[in-house]
Amino acid sequence: MPRLFPLLLLAFGLFLPTALHAANSSKPNVVMILTDDQGWGDLSVHGNKNLATPNIDQLAKEGALFENFYVCHLCAPTRAEMLTGRFYARTGVRGVSTGQERMNIDEKTIAQYFKDAGYATGAFGKWHNGMQFPYHPNARGFDEYYGFCSGHWGHYFSPELDHNNELVRGDGYVTDDFTNQAMKFIETNKDKPFFCYVPYCTPHSPMQVPDQYYDKFANMDPEMKNRDPKKEELGMTRAALAMCENIDWNVGRILKKLDQLDLADNTIVIYFADNGPNSFRWNGGMKGRKGSLDEGGTRVPCIIRWTGHVPADRKIEPIAGAVDFLPTLLDFAGVKAQYPKPIDGVSLKPLLTKDQVDWEDRYLIASRNNQVSVRNQTYRLDNDGQLFDITQDRGQLKNVAQDHPEVVAKLKEVAKQYRSEMLPTKDDRPFTVGYSSNTPLPARDGNGHGGIERSARAPNCSYFTNWKTTKDTITWDVEVGEPGEYEAIVYYTCPQENIGIEIQAELLGQRTSATIKQAHDPESYGPERDRFDRGAESPVKDFKPFSLGTLKLPKGRDTLTLSALKIPGDGAIEVRYVWLNKK
């Protein structure tokens, strides 16, 4: 069977023989805003009367609004598709944590294409496609990075963040902070073309938002509810709506900054979301939410504005998806690329700029593990073989498979081909060390043994706790890419009564140890700011760095083991990270 969609790709001219270059000197800037867990229904432009999003609504009036825009069921897969123009299962991304969120290092990102074309590139927010170099955003084409690389974060008010692979303290509410940094980047690069990626982490949990946004919704009984009101948790809905209004305010700030700098007319602005809503709330009557392969889990808002090029108030009916951003933006910018690997996206430029387009039907895939759902312009075939005419039945209430056996057969063939090319897969990649001067190994990427456990079920910003005996260990599967001397730094907490613990780091036959002589026993925090129960999300603590000494490491793969040689009290330490830093 041929590869998925090769003729379609060739038809749109995506494989170009020329080397990467910009076709003209007047290159448009790009601002791409991505929200996290915001559903199609979380905007007033889509008819939600529970909230007001005037800045995003105005963006849609000034540009193009996609009526059928699709992403993946979860965060990291969507990001991978946007960054590479390829279905996420091709890229090495398998999930959302413990290393499964990483894109393979041989994937080329949209930021790398723009950087090669002379653009300044910056990302401000949630990355979620790998932390350690060469997976870090600074290694994937972004000159500037400010945010966090994990999938979840436990606190949204002045949290610990990553600024170009160095730990820093954030400044204020996280969405406002990311916006401030993005606007600073825009102003710094106003005299040259730039690609500014702003992946917000809201309205993803924890459901934290400043009072000025929440007060409006604190006691609201929403006028519009989920299609199954018994499933809706109103406390969650209220918090999500407040967070969406904060997002809208920040979008307005970015648009105003472009106006102030006289950049608006030469800047492509994109607004979209990474998956369906993170709770059952109003979503246009669609079936499913985040995590689902149905319409409600994969259809999201998408708006593109480029004044003078994209007609105002345009509605785009043909199906499109996150895989299309890379070829579309390179096409708009006049950047021609010879793709190192086949891409699955197509340039949407004709749809966005022309009144009449002969547009060929296509297939978009939603997949989770071995489950596959296929969408063409009219139908969705779900993983159970049910067929729905989405043009007549957005809520997927009537299975019409028996009425259209030929359609079912074709879409099943597409799903089979997708599975054969990309599923199943095995992920045995270690965590990479030595590809940068500093390498963080967070608790998320390690494993606790014996009595050691995570601070919460979700690994992402968790820490290891309940270390009681010298038999307990913490390990990371790592590969040292460059031999040399590395300082091992553990980020720890330790109560006064446990002082005197000797901690050892061992890797590739090398050992170093040191005794902790200073107590550091801060309280955990985060949940007290929640507007709704955070569930499996971890609280946070402020951990203290402590050097265990130096390891002289050869190149190679091994297990980094953290152990306690001596525990004089009734317990050891809590661990957030081990950093291996080149000397």
Protein backbone atom coordinates (compact mmCIF):
# COMPACT_ATOMS: atom_id res chain seq x y z
CA MET A 1 0.00 0.00 0.00
CA PRO A 2 1.42 3.46 -0.81
CA ARG A 3 2.33 5.97 1.87
CA LEU A 4 -0.50 8.00 3.32
CA PHE A 5 -1.54 10.83 0.95
CA PRO A 6 1.59 11.09 -1.26
CA LEU A 7 -0.36 12.26 -4.33
CA LEU A 8 -2.17 14.88 -2.30
CA LEU A 9 1.12 16.21 -0.98
CA LEU A 10 2.61 16.40 -4.47
CA ALA A 11 -0.51 18.05 -5.77
CA PHE A 12 -0.02 20.93 -3.42
CA GLY A 13 3.61 21.38 -4.41
CA LEU A 14 5.09 20.76 -0.99
CA PHE A 15 8.24 18.99 -2.16
CA LEU A 16 10.28 21.75 -3.69
CA PRO A 17 13.77 21.11 -5.04
CA THR A 18 15.27 24.45 -4.11
CA ALA A 19 17.32 25.10 -1.00
CA LEU A 20 15.74 26.99 1.84
CA HIS A 21 15.57 30.70 1.13
CA ALA A 22 13.26 33.66 1.40
CA ALA A 23 11.68 34.66 -1.89
CA ASN A 24 11.55 38.35 -1.12
CA SER A 25 13.02 40.88 1.24
CA SER A 26 9.70 41.93 2.79
CA LYS A 27 9.08 38.99 5.08
CA PRO A 28 5.96 38.91 7.22
CA ASN A 29 6.28 38.45 10.95
CA VAL A 30 4.39 35.61 12.60
CA VAL A 31 2.72 35.57 16.01
CA MET A 32 1.25 32.19 16.88
CA ILE A 33 -0.89 31.94 20.03
CA LEU A 34 -1.78 28.47 21.29
CA THR A 35 -4.09 27.86 24.24
CA ASP A 36 -4.13 24.75 26.41
CA ASP A 37 -7.35 22.76 26.98
CA GLN A 38 -9.58 25.48 25.54
CA GLY A 39 -12.51 24.02 23.66
CA TRP A 40 -14.15 25.24 20.46
CA GLY A 41 -17.02 26.45 22.63
CA ASP A 42 -14.92 28.58 24.97
CA LEU A 43 -15.21 31.72 22.81
CA SER A 44 -18.05 34.15 22.38
CA VAL A 45 -17.34 34.28 18.63
CA HIS A 46 -18.63 30.69 18.52
CA GLY A 47 -21.83 31.63 20.29
CA ASN A 48 -20.98 31.03 23.96
CA LYS A 49 -23.03 33.52 25.98
CA ASN A 50 -21.40 32.52 29.26
CA LEU A 51 -18.33 34.68 28.66
CA ALA A 52 -17.00 37.52 26.52
CA THR A 53 -13.85 37.26 24.38
CA PRO A 54 -13.96 40.55 22.45
CA ASN A 55 -10.32 40.64 21.37
CA ILE A 56 -10.38 37.15 19.91
CA ASP A 57 -13.79 37.85 18.35
CA GLN A 58 -12.37 40.99 16.71
CA LEU A 59 -9.39 39.00 15.44
CA ALA A 60 -11.86 36.69 13.70
CA LYS A 61 -13.72 39.63 12.17
CA GLU A 62 -10.45 40.99 10.79
CA GLY A 63 -9.26 37.64 9.45
CA ALA A 64 -10.36 34.10 8.69
CA LEU A 65 -12.26 31.79 11.03
CA PHE A 66 -11.97 28.05 10.41
CA GLU A 67 -15.22 26.18 10.81
CA ASN A 68 -13.62 22.71 10.74
CA PHE A 69 -10.17 22.86 12.28
CA TYR A 70 -8.72 19.74 13.91
CA VAL A 71 -5.90 18.92 16.28
CA CYS A 72 -4.99 15.91 18.43
CA HIS A 73 -6.69 14.61 21.53
CA LEU A 74 -3.90 15.80 23.85
CA CYS A 75 -1.33 18.58 24.17
CA ALA A 76 2.10 17.22 23.16
CA PRO A 77 0.84 15.46 20.01
CA THR A 78 -0.77 18.67 18.71
CA ARG A 79 2.40 20.64 19.36
CA ALA A 80 4.45 18.08 17.46
CA GLU A 81 2.10 18.29 14.48
CA MET A 82 2.25 22.08 14.42
CA LEU A 83 6.03 22.15 14.73
CA THR A 84 6.75 19.55 12.05
CA GLY A 85 3.78 19.46 9.66
CA ARG A 86 3.65 15.70 10.25
CA PHE A 87 1.21 13.42 12.02
CA TYR A 88 2.48 13.15 15.56
CA ALA A 89 2.86 9.36 15.48
CA ARG A 90 5.61 9.85 12.89
CA THR A 91 7.60 12.17 15.16
CA GLY A 92 8.38 9.98 18.17
CA VAL A 93 5.72 11.56 20.38
CA ARG A 94 3.79 8.83 22.19
CA GLY A 95 2.15 10.58 25.14
CA VAL A 96 2.37 13.58 27.43
CA SER A 97 4.96 12.74 30.11
CA THR A 98 7.91 10.55 31.23
CA GLY A 99 9.72 11.18 27.95
CA GLN A 100 6.86 10.15 25.68
CA GLU A 101 6.27 13.80 24.80
CA ARG A 102 9.64 14.19 23.01
CA MET A 103 9.93 14.73 19.26
CA ASN A 104 12.68 12.74 17.63
CA ILE A 105 15.81 14.80 17.18
CA ASP A 106 15.86 14.21 13.41
CA GLU A 107 12.59 16.14 13.04
CA LYS A 108 12.93 19.67 11.65
CA THR A 109 10.70 22.29 13.23
CA ILE A 110 8.93 25.33 11.86
CA ALA A 111 11.22 27.48 14.02
CA GLN A 112 14.29 26.01 12.34
CA TYR A 113 12.92 26.81 8.90
CA PHE A 114 12.22 30.40 9.92
CA LYS A 115 15.56 30.77 11.65
CA ASP A 116 17.34 29.52 8.53
CA ALA A 117 15.42 32.16 6.58
CA GLY A 118 16.79 34.96 8.78
CA TYR A 119 13.98 35.26 11.32
CA ALA A 120 14.40 35.94 15.03
CA THR A 121 12.60 33.13 16.83
CA GLY A 122 11.14 33.03 20.34
CA ALA A 123 8.79 30.82 22.35
CA PHE A 124 7.05 31.93 25.54
CA GLY A 125 5.05 29.39 27.51
CA LYS A 126 4.47 25.66 27.67
CA TRP A 127 6.79 23.69 25.35
CA HIS A 128 5.86 20.05 26.08
CA ASN A 129 8.06 18.37 23.48
CA GLY A 130 11.19 17.60 25.49
CA MET A 131 13.31 19.20 28.20
CA GLN A 132 16.90 18.03 27.83
CA PHE A 133 19.02 19.15 24.88
CA PRO A 134 18.73 18.35 21.99
CA TYR A 135 14.97 18.24 22.68
CA HIS A 136 14.87 21.64 24.42
CA PRO A 137 13.28 24.53 22.46
CA ASN A 138 16.64 26.33 22.25
CA ALA A 139 17.90 23.29 20.32
CA ARG A 140 14.83 23.13 18.06
CA GLY A 141 15.19 26.53 16.40
CA PHE A 142 14.15 29.02 19.09
CA ASP A 143 16.72 31.71 19.89
CA GLU A 144 14.79 32.73 22.98
CA TYR A 145 12.77 30.56 25.32
CA TYR A 146 10.89 31.43 28.50
CA GLY A 147 8.41 29.05 30.06
CA PHE A 148 8.33 25.43 31.16
CA CYS A 149 9.01 22.27 29.18
CA SER A 150 6.74 19.90 31.09
CA GLY A 151 3.12 19.13 30.33
CA HIS A 152 1.68 20.36 33.62
CA TRP A 153 2.73 22.93 36.19
CA GLY A 154 1.58 23.04 39.79
CA HIS A 155 1.34 26.78 40.43
CA TYR A 156 0.55 29.74 38.17
CA PHE A 157 1.67 32.69 40.29
CA SER A 158 5.38 33.54 39.94
CA PRO A 159 6.37 29.90 39.47
CA GLU A 160 9.78 28.42 38.80
CA LEU A 161 10.40 28.67 35.04
CA ASP A 162 13.03 27.94 32.41
CA HIS A 163 14.77 30.84 30.68
CA ASN A 164 17.10 29.48 28.01
CA ASN A 165 17.78 26.34 30.07
CA GLU A 166 18.38 28.19 33.33
CA LEU A 167 15.95 28.13 36.27
CA VAL A 168 14.37 31.51 37.00
CA ARG A 169 11.45 32.80 39.05
CA GLY A 170 8.41 33.95 37.09
CA ASP A 171 6.86 37.37 37.59
CA GLY A 172 3.15 37.36 38.34
CA TYR A 173 0.31 35.33 36.87
CA VAL A 174 1.83 32.97 34.35
CA THR A 175 -0.30 33.89 31.32
CA ASP A 176 0.35 37.59 31.91
CA ASP A 177 4.05 36.86 32.37
CA PHE A 178 4.35 34.90 29.12
CA THR A 179 2.59 37.74 27.33
CA ASN A 180 4.98 40.31 28.82
CA GLN A 181 7.97 38.31 27.61
CA ALA A 182 6.45 37.84 24.14
CA MET A 183 5.79 41.57 23.81
CA LYS A 184 9.34 42.31 24.90
CA PHE A 185 10.63 39.95 22.21
CA ILE A 186 8.41 41.61 19.58
CA GLU A 187 9.66 45.06 20.53
CA THR A 188 13.31 43.94 20.56
CA ASN A 189 12.95 42.46 17.07
CA LYS A 190 10.61 45.04 15.54
CA ASP A 191 13.14 45.95 12.84
CA LYS A 192 13.66 42.39 11.57
CA PRO A 193 11.31 39.53 10.74
CA PHE A 194 10.34 37.39 13.72
CA PHE A 195 8.48 34.20 14.55
CA CYS A 196 6.91 34.57 17.99
CA TYR A 197 5.27 31.45 19.44
CA VAL A 198 3.11 32.00 22.54
CA PRO A 199 1.86 28.66 23.91
CA TYR A 200 -0.19 29.57 26.97
CA CYS A 201 -0.74 26.91 29.65
CA THR A 202 -4.30 27.95 30.44
CA PRO A 203 -7.13 27.03 30.91
CA HIS A 204 -5.31 23.78 31.75
CA SER A 205 -5.40 22.88 35.44
CA PRO A 206 -4.57 23.83 38.12
CA MET A 207 -7.56 26.10 37.87
CA GLN A 208 -5.91 29.28 39.11
CA VAL A 209 -6.77 32.77 37.95
CA PRO A 210 -6.61 36.26 39.51
CA ASP A 211 -9.64 37.58 41.40
CA GLN A 212 -10.33 40.29 38.82
CA TYR A 213 -11.32 37.56 36.33
CA TYR A 214 -12.80 34.99 38.68
CA ASP A 215 -15.13 37.29 40.61
CA LYS A 216 -17.44 37.63 37.60
CA PHE A 217 -17.98 33.87 37.50
CA ALA A 218 -17.73 32.92 41.17
CA ASN A 219 -21.46 32.37 41.59
CA MET A 220 -22.54 32.08 37.97
CA ASP A 221 -25.10 29.53 36.87
CA PRO A 222 -24.06 29.31 33.21
CA GLU A 223 -26.82 30.00 30.72
CA MET A 224 -25.31 27.48 28.31
CA LYS A 225 -24.28 24.05 29.58
CA ASN A 226 -22.83 20.81 28.29
CA ARG A 227 -25.11 18.59 26.25
CA ASP A 228 -25.14 16.21 29.22
CA PRO A 229 -25.60 18.68 32.13
CA LYS A 230 -25.24 15.92 34.74
CA LYS A 231 -21.59 15.54 33.75
CA GLU A 232 -20.80 19.24 34.08
CA GLU A 233 -18.98 20.39 37.21
CA LEU A 234 -19.96 24.03 37.53
CA GLY A 235 -16.96 24.93 39.69
CA MET A 236 -14.65 23.77 36.92
CA THR A 237 -16.68 25.59 34.28
CA ARG A 238 -16.55 28.87 36.23
CA ALA A 239 -12.79 28.71 36.63
CA ALA A 240 -12.24 27.79 32.97
CA LEU A 241 -14.40 30.68 31.76
CA ALA A 242 -12.48 33.11 33.95
CA MET A 243 -9.18 31.80 32.60
CA CYS A 244 -10.45 32.18 29.04
CA GLU A 245 -11.34 35.83 29.66
CA ASN A 246 -7.81 36.37 30.99
CA ILE A 247 -6.45 34.81 27.80
CA ASP A 248 -8.58 37.18 25.75
CA TRP A 249 -7.18 40.16 27.66
CA ASN A 250 -3.66 39.00 26.95
CA VAL A 251 -4.40 38.43 23.27
CA GLY A 252 -5.62 42.02 23.19
CA ARG A 253 -2.35 43.20 24.71
CA ILE A 254 -0.33 41.47 21.98
CA LEU A 255 -2.53 42.91 19.23
CA LYS A 256 -2.23 46.38 20.76
CA LYS A 257 1.57 46.04 20.89
CA LEU A 258 1.62 45.19 17.18
CA ASP A 259 -0.48 48.29 16.49
CA GLN A 260 1.75 50.50 18.62
CA LEU A 261 4.86 49.32 16.80
CA ASP A 262 3.17 49.70 13.39
CA LEU A 263 3.66 45.99 12.75
CA ALA A 264 0.06 44.78 12.50
CA ASP A 265 -0.25 44.94 8.71
CA ASN A 266 2.91 42.90 8.19
CA THR A 267 2.26 40.30 10.89
CA ILE A 268 0.41 37.03 10.46
CA VAL A 269 -1.47 36.33 13.69
CA ILE A 270 -2.69 32.81 14.43
CA TYR A 271 -4.89 31.75 17.31
CA PHE A 272 -5.80 28.12 18.03
CA ALA A 273 -6.09 25.52 20.80
CA ASP A 274 -4.37 22.18 21.37
CA ASN A 275 -7.33 19.86 22.09
CA GLY A 276 -10.91 19.84 23.30
CA PRO A 277 -12.02 21.32 26.64
CA ASN A 278 -10.67 19.84 29.88
CA SER A 279 -14.14 19.37 31.33
CA PHE A 280 -17.72 18.81 30.26
CA ARG A 281 -18.98 22.32 29.54
CA TRP A 282 -20.77 23.97 26.62
CA ASN A 283 -19.08 22.97 23.39
CA GLY A 284 -21.65 23.34 20.66
CA GLY A 285 -23.31 20.02 21.39
CA MET A 286 -20.31 18.02 20.20
CA LYS A 287 -19.51 14.58 21.53
CA GLY A 288 -16.46 14.13 23.77
CA ARG A 289 -13.92 16.38 25.47
CA LYS A 290 -10.14 16.42 25.89
CA GLY A 291 -8.73 12.93 25.34
CA SER A 292 -11.56 11.90 23.01
CA LEU A 293 -11.10 11.16 19.30
CA ASP A 294 -14.57 12.54 18.57
CA GLU A 295 -15.48 16.03 17.37
CA GLY A 296 -15.54 17.49 20.88
CA GLY A 297 -12.03 16.29 21.61
CA THR A 298 -10.37 17.34 18.36
CA ARG A 299 -12.26 20.25 16.78
CA VAL A 300 -10.92 23.54 18.12
CA PRO A 301 -10.98 27.26 17.37
CA CYS A 302 -8.59 28.57 14.73
CA ILE A 303 -8.24 32.11 13.45
CA ILE A 304 -5.67 33.53 11.01
CA ARG A 305 -5.32 37.26 10.36
CA TRP A 306 -3.01 38.92 7.88
CA THR A 307 -4.40 42.33 6.96
CA GLY A 308 -4.37 43.01 3.24
CA HIS A 309 -3.74 39.38 2.35
CA VAL A 310 -6.47 37.39 4.11
CA PRO A 311 -9.90 38.98 3.52
CA ALA A 312 -11.68 40.13 6.66
CA ASP A 313 -14.51 38.08 8.15
CA ARG A 314 -13.73 35.04 5.99
CA LYS A 315 -15.18 31.67 6.96
CA ILE A 316 -13.18 28.60 5.95
CA GLU A 317 -15.29 25.45 5.53
CA PRO A 318 -12.79 22.85 4.24
CA ILE A 319 -11.22 20.72 6.97
CA ALA A 320 -7.76 21.75 8.12
CA GLY A 321 -5.47 20.96 10.98
CA ALA A 322 -2.36 21.74 12.99
CA VAL A 323 -0.25 19.83 10.45
CA ASP A 324 -1.05 22.58 7.93
CA PHE A 325 0.59 25.47 9.76
CA LEU A 326 4.14 24.72 8.68
CA PRO A 327 3.54 24.62 4.90
CA THR A 328 1.03 27.47 5.10
CA LEU A 329 3.31 29.86 6.94
CA LEU A 330 6.35 29.03 4.84
CA ASP A 331 4.21 29.63 1.76
CA PHE A 332 2.98 32.98 3.08
CA ALA A 333 6.54 34.04 3.98
CA GLY A 334 7.95 33.03 0.60
CA VAL A 335 10.22 30.52 2.27
CA LYS A 336 10.83 27.53 0.03
CA ALA A 337 11.84 24.31 1.71
CA GLN A 338 13.09 20.91 0.73
CA TYR A 339 11.54 18.84 3.48
CA PRO A 340 13.89 16.21 4.89
CA LYS A 341 10.90 13.94 5.51
CA PRO A 342 7.46 13.79 3.87
CA ILE A 343 4.94 16.06 5.57
CA ASP A 344 1.23 15.47 6.01
CA GLY A 345 0.12 19.10 6.01
CA VAL A 346 -0.85 21.24 3.03
CA SER A 347 -0.60 24.96 2.42
CA LEU A 348 -3.88 26.66 3.19
CA LYS A 349 -2.85 29.84 1.39
CA PRO A 350 -5.31 29.35 -1.51
CA LEU A 351 -8.22 28.93 0.92
CA LEU A 352 -7.17 32.00 2.84
CA THR A 353 -6.51 34.35 -0.07
CA LYS A 354 -8.69 33.30 -3.02
CA ASP A 355 -12.46 33.53 -3.46
CA GLN A 356 -12.81 30.41 -5.62
CA VAL A 357 -10.62 27.37 -4.98
CA ASP A 358 -10.82 23.89 -6.47
CA TRP A 359 -10.03 22.12 -3.20
CA GLU A 360 -9.54 18.37 -3.14
CA ASP A 361 -11.00 16.35 -0.26
CA ARG A 362 -8.53 14.91 2.20
CA TYR A 363 -8.24 12.85 5.38
CA LEU A 364 -7.29 13.99 8.85
CA ILE A 365 -6.40 11.47 11.53
CA ALA A 366 -7.11 11.38 15.24
CA SER A 367 -5.32 8.58 17.08
CA ARG A 368 -4.70 7.39 20.62
CA ASN A 369 -2.63 4.28 21.26
CA ASN A 370 -4.03 1.87 18.66
CA GLN A 371 -7.35 3.67 18.30
CA VAL A 372 -7.89 5.64 15.08
CA SER A 373 -10.65 7.97 13.89
CA VAL A 374 -10.69 9.39 10.36
CA ARG A 375 -12.31 12.65 9.23
CA ASN A 376 -12.91 13.76 5.67
CA GLN A 377 -14.93 16.79 4.59
CA THR A 378 -18.28 15.12 5.22
CA TYR A 379 -17.84 12.16 7.52
CA ARG A 380 -16.12 10.90 10.64
CA LEU A 381 -15.41 7.20 11.05
CA ASP A 382 -14.79 6.43 14.71
CA ASN A 383 -12.62 3.65 16.12
CA ASP A 384 -15.64 1.37 16.53
CA GLY A 385 -16.55 1.57 12.86
CA GLN A 386 -19.45 3.96 13.32
CA LEU A 387 -19.89 6.57 10.60
CA PHE A 388 -21.31 10.04 11.19
CA ASP A 389 -22.26 12.70 8.67
CA ILE A 390 -20.73 15.68 10.46
CA THR A 391 -22.26 18.18 8.04
CA GLN A 392 -25.69 17.12 9.29
CA ASP A 393 -24.86 15.63 12.69
CA ARG A 394 -22.11 17.49 14.52
CA GLY A 395 -23.09 15.79 17.76
CA GLN A 396 -22.53 12.29 16.31
CA LEU A 397 -25.96 11.08 17.33
CA LYS A 398 -26.85 8.92 14.28
CA ASN A 399 -24.65 6.13 12.94
CA VAL A 400 -25.07 6.07 9.14
CA ALA A 401 -22.54 3.31 8.39
CA GLN A 402 -25.17 1.01 6.88
CA ASP A 403 -26.25 3.73 4.47
CA HIS A 404 -22.74 4.36 3.12
CA PRO A 405 -20.76 1.11 3.03
CA GLU A 406 -18.38 2.44 0.36
CA VAL A 407 -17.45 5.40 2.57
CA VAL A 408 -16.88 3.12 5.55
CA ALA A 409 -14.66 0.86 3.47
CA LYS A 410 -12.53 3.77 2.24
CA LEU A 411 -12.10 5.37 5.65
CA LYS A 412 -11.28 1.98 7.18
CA GLU A 413 -8.60 1.58 4.53
CA VAL A 414 -7.11 4.95 5.49
CA ALA A 415 -7.15 3.99 9.17
CA LYS A 416 -5.49 0.65 8.37
CA GLN A 417 -2.77 2.39 6.40
CA TYR A 418 -2.16 4.84 9.24
CA ARG A 419 -1.82 1.96 11.70
CA SER A 420 0.56 0.06 9.43
CA GLU A 421 2.82 3.06 8.93
CA MET A 422 2.85 4.49 12.45
CA LEU A 423 1.36 2.07 14.98
CA PRO A 424 2.24 0.36 17.20
CA THR A 425 5.62 1.73 18.27
CA LYS A 426 8.11 1.11 21.04
CA ASP A 427 9.84 3.94 22.85
CA ASP A 428 13.19 3.01 24.37
CA ARG A 429 14.89 6.40 24.22
CA PRO A 430 17.08 7.39 27.19
CA PHE A 431 17.23 10.91 28.58
CA THR A 432 20.08 12.81 26.99
CA VAL A 433 22.96 14.33 28.97
CA GLY A 434 25.88 16.43 27.78
CA TYR A 435 24.33 18.11 24.75
CA SER A 436 24.31 21.42 26.62
CA SER A 437 26.25 22.93 29.50
CA ASN A 438 23.40 22.17 31.93
CA THR A 439 21.15 19.10 31.88
CA PRO A 440 18.11 18.85 34.17
CA LEU A 441 16.76 15.45 35.10
CA PRO A 442 13.44 16.11 36.85
CA ALA A 443 11.58 13.65 39.04
CA ARG A 444 9.07 13.34 36.20
CA ASP A 445 11.67 11.50 34.10
CA GLY A 446 12.96 9.24 36.87
CA ASN A 447 11.73 6.23 38.82
CA GLY A 448 11.48 5.74 42.55
CA HIS A 449 12.30 2.35 44.04
CA GLY A 450 11.50 0.78 47.40
CA GLY A 451 9.25 3.06 49.43
CA ILE A 452 9.92 6.20 47.37
CA GLU A 453 6.84 7.63 45.69
CA ARG A 454 5.78 10.68 43.76
CA SER A 455 4.16 13.68 45.42
CA ALA A 456 1.13 13.16 43.16
CA ARG A 457 -0.10 10.74 40.53
CA ALA A 458 0.64 13.06 37.59
CA PRO A 459 4.42 12.95 37.06
CA ASN A 460 4.93 16.31 35.40
CA CYS A 461 5.95 18.75 38.15
CA SER A 462 6.04 16.11 40.88
CA TYR A 463 8.88 15.38 43.27
CA PHE A 464 10.04 12.22 45.00
CA THR A 465 9.11 11.79 48.64
CA ASN A 466 8.81 9.08 51.33
CA TRP A 467 12.52 8.15 51.13
CA LYS A 468 13.03 6.21 54.35
CA THR A 469 15.82 3.62 54.01
CA THR A 470 19.24 3.07 52.45
CA LYS A 471 17.67 0.40 50.26
CA ASP A 472 15.52 2.99 48.48
CA THR A 473 16.88 4.53 45.27
CA ILE A 474 15.93 6.94 42.50
CA THR A 475 17.04 6.19 38.94
CA TRP A 476 17.11 7.79 35.50
CA ASP A 477 17.85 6.04 32.21
CA VAL A 478 20.38 8.39 30.60
CA GLU A 479 22.79 8.60 27.73
CA VAL A 480 25.88 10.77 28.05
CA GLY A 481 26.55 12.26 24.64
CA GLU A 482 29.87 13.89 25.40
CA PRO A 483 32.55 12.65 27.82
CA GLY A 484 33.81 15.01 30.48
CA GLU A 485 33.50 16.18 34.06
CA TYR A 486 29.98 16.81 35.31
CA GLU A 487 28.91 18.35 38.57
CA ALA A 488 25.93 16.49 40.05
CA ILE A 489 23.51 18.86 41.77
CA VAL A 490 20.48 17.57 43.64
CA TYR A 491 17.52 19.87 44.37
CA TYR A 492 16.32 18.75 47.79
CA THR A 493 14.31 19.37 50.92
CA CYS A 494 15.41 18.01 54.30
CA PRO A 495 14.01 18.63 57.81
CA GLN A 496 16.36 19.51 60.65
CA GLU A 497 16.04 16.08 62.26
CA ASN A 498 17.35 14.36 59.12
CA ILE A 499 20.56 16.38 58.78
CA GLY A 500 23.62 14.21 58.23
CA ILE A 501 22.26 12.17 55.32
CA GLU A 502 24.95 11.13 52.82
CA ILE A 503 23.65 11.08 49.23
CA GLN A 504 25.48 9.37 46.38
CA ALA A 505 25.15 9.73 42.60
CA GLU A 506 26.44 6.86 40.47
CA LEU A 507 26.66 6.71 36.67
CA LEU A 508 28.79 4.78 34.18
CA GLY A 509 30.96 3.33 36.92
CA GLN A 510 31.64 6.72 38.51
CA ARG A 511 30.47 7.76 41.98
CA THR A 512 30.36 10.92 44.03
CA SER A 513 28.72 11.63 47.38
CA ALA A 514 28.27 14.39 49.90
CA THR A 515 26.64 14.87 53.29
CA ILE A 516 23.75 17.29 53.66
CA LYS A 517 24.46 19.53 56.64
CA GLN A 518 21.89 22.26 56.11
CA ALA A 519 18.18 21.82 56.69
CA HIS A 520 15.73 23.02 54.07
CA ASP A 521 12.15 22.18 54.91
CA PRO A 522 9.67 24.50 53.10
CA GLU A 523 5.94 23.97 53.07
CA SER A 524 4.26 22.78 49.89
CA TYR A 525 1.90 25.22 48.21
CA GLY A 526 -0.35 25.66 45.21
CA PRO A 527 -3.72 24.11 46.08
CA GLU A 528 -4.66 27.07 48.28
CA ARG A 529 -4.89 29.19 45.10
CA ASP A 530 -7.04 26.67 43.20
CA ARG A 531 -10.57 27.61 42.15
CA PHE A 532 -11.40 23.92 41.67
CA ASP A 533 -9.89 20.66 42.89
CA ARG A 534 -6.64 19.93 41.04
CA GLY A 535 -7.05 16.17 41.14
CA ALA A 536 -3.77 14.41 40.24
CA GLU A 537 -1.69 17.58 39.90
CA SER A 538 1.16 17.90 42.37
CA PRO A 539 1.59 20.80 44.77
CA VAL A 540 4.98 22.51 44.56
CA LYS A 541 7.84 23.32 46.88
CA ASP A 542 10.88 25.56 46.59
CA PHE A 543 13.79 23.13 46.44
CA LYS A 544 17.39 23.96 47.32
CA PRO A 545 20.38 22.99 45.12
CA PHE A 546 23.19 20.96 46.70
CA SER A 547 26.35 19.74 44.99
CA LEU A 548 27.19 16.06 45.35
CA GLY A 549 30.57 16.57 43.67
CA THR A 550 31.95 15.76 40.25
CA LEU A 551 31.57 12.70 38.02
CA LYS A 552 34.17 12.07 35.30
CA LEU A 553 31.93 10.41 32.73
CA PRO A 554 32.69 8.56 29.52
CA LYS A 555 30.27 8.61 26.62
CA GLY A 556 27.57 5.96 26.90
CA ARG A 557 24.20 4.84 28.21
CA ASP A 558 23.61 3.74 31.80
CA THR A 559 21.34 4.18 34.81
CA LEU A 560 21.97 7.24 36.95
CA THR A 561 21.29 6.11 40.51
CA LEU A 562 20.70 8.33 43.50
CA SER A 563 21.11 6.48 46.80
CA ALA A 564 21.54 7.23 50.50
CA LEU A 565 24.72 5.79 52.01
CA LYS A 566 23.79 6.97 55.49
CA ILE A 567 20.45 7.98 57.05
CA PRO A 568 20.99 8.99 60.68
CA GLY A 569 17.41 10.13 61.22
CA ASP A 570 14.06 8.56 60.35
CA GLY A 571 14.14 9.55 56.69
CA ALA A 572 16.17 10.97 53.82
CA ILE A 573 15.40 13.85 51.44
CA GLU A 574 12.78 14.85 48.91
CA VAL A 575 14.08 15.28 45.36
CA ARG A 576 12.82 17.54 42.57
CA TYR A 577 15.78 17.37 40.15
CA VAL A 578 19.27 16.17 39.57
CA TRP A 579 21.22 18.49 37.27
CA LEU A 580 24.38 17.27 35.52
CA ASN A 581 26.38 20.35 34.59
CA LYS A 582 29.57 20.36 32.54
CA LYS A 583 32.63 21.61 34.36
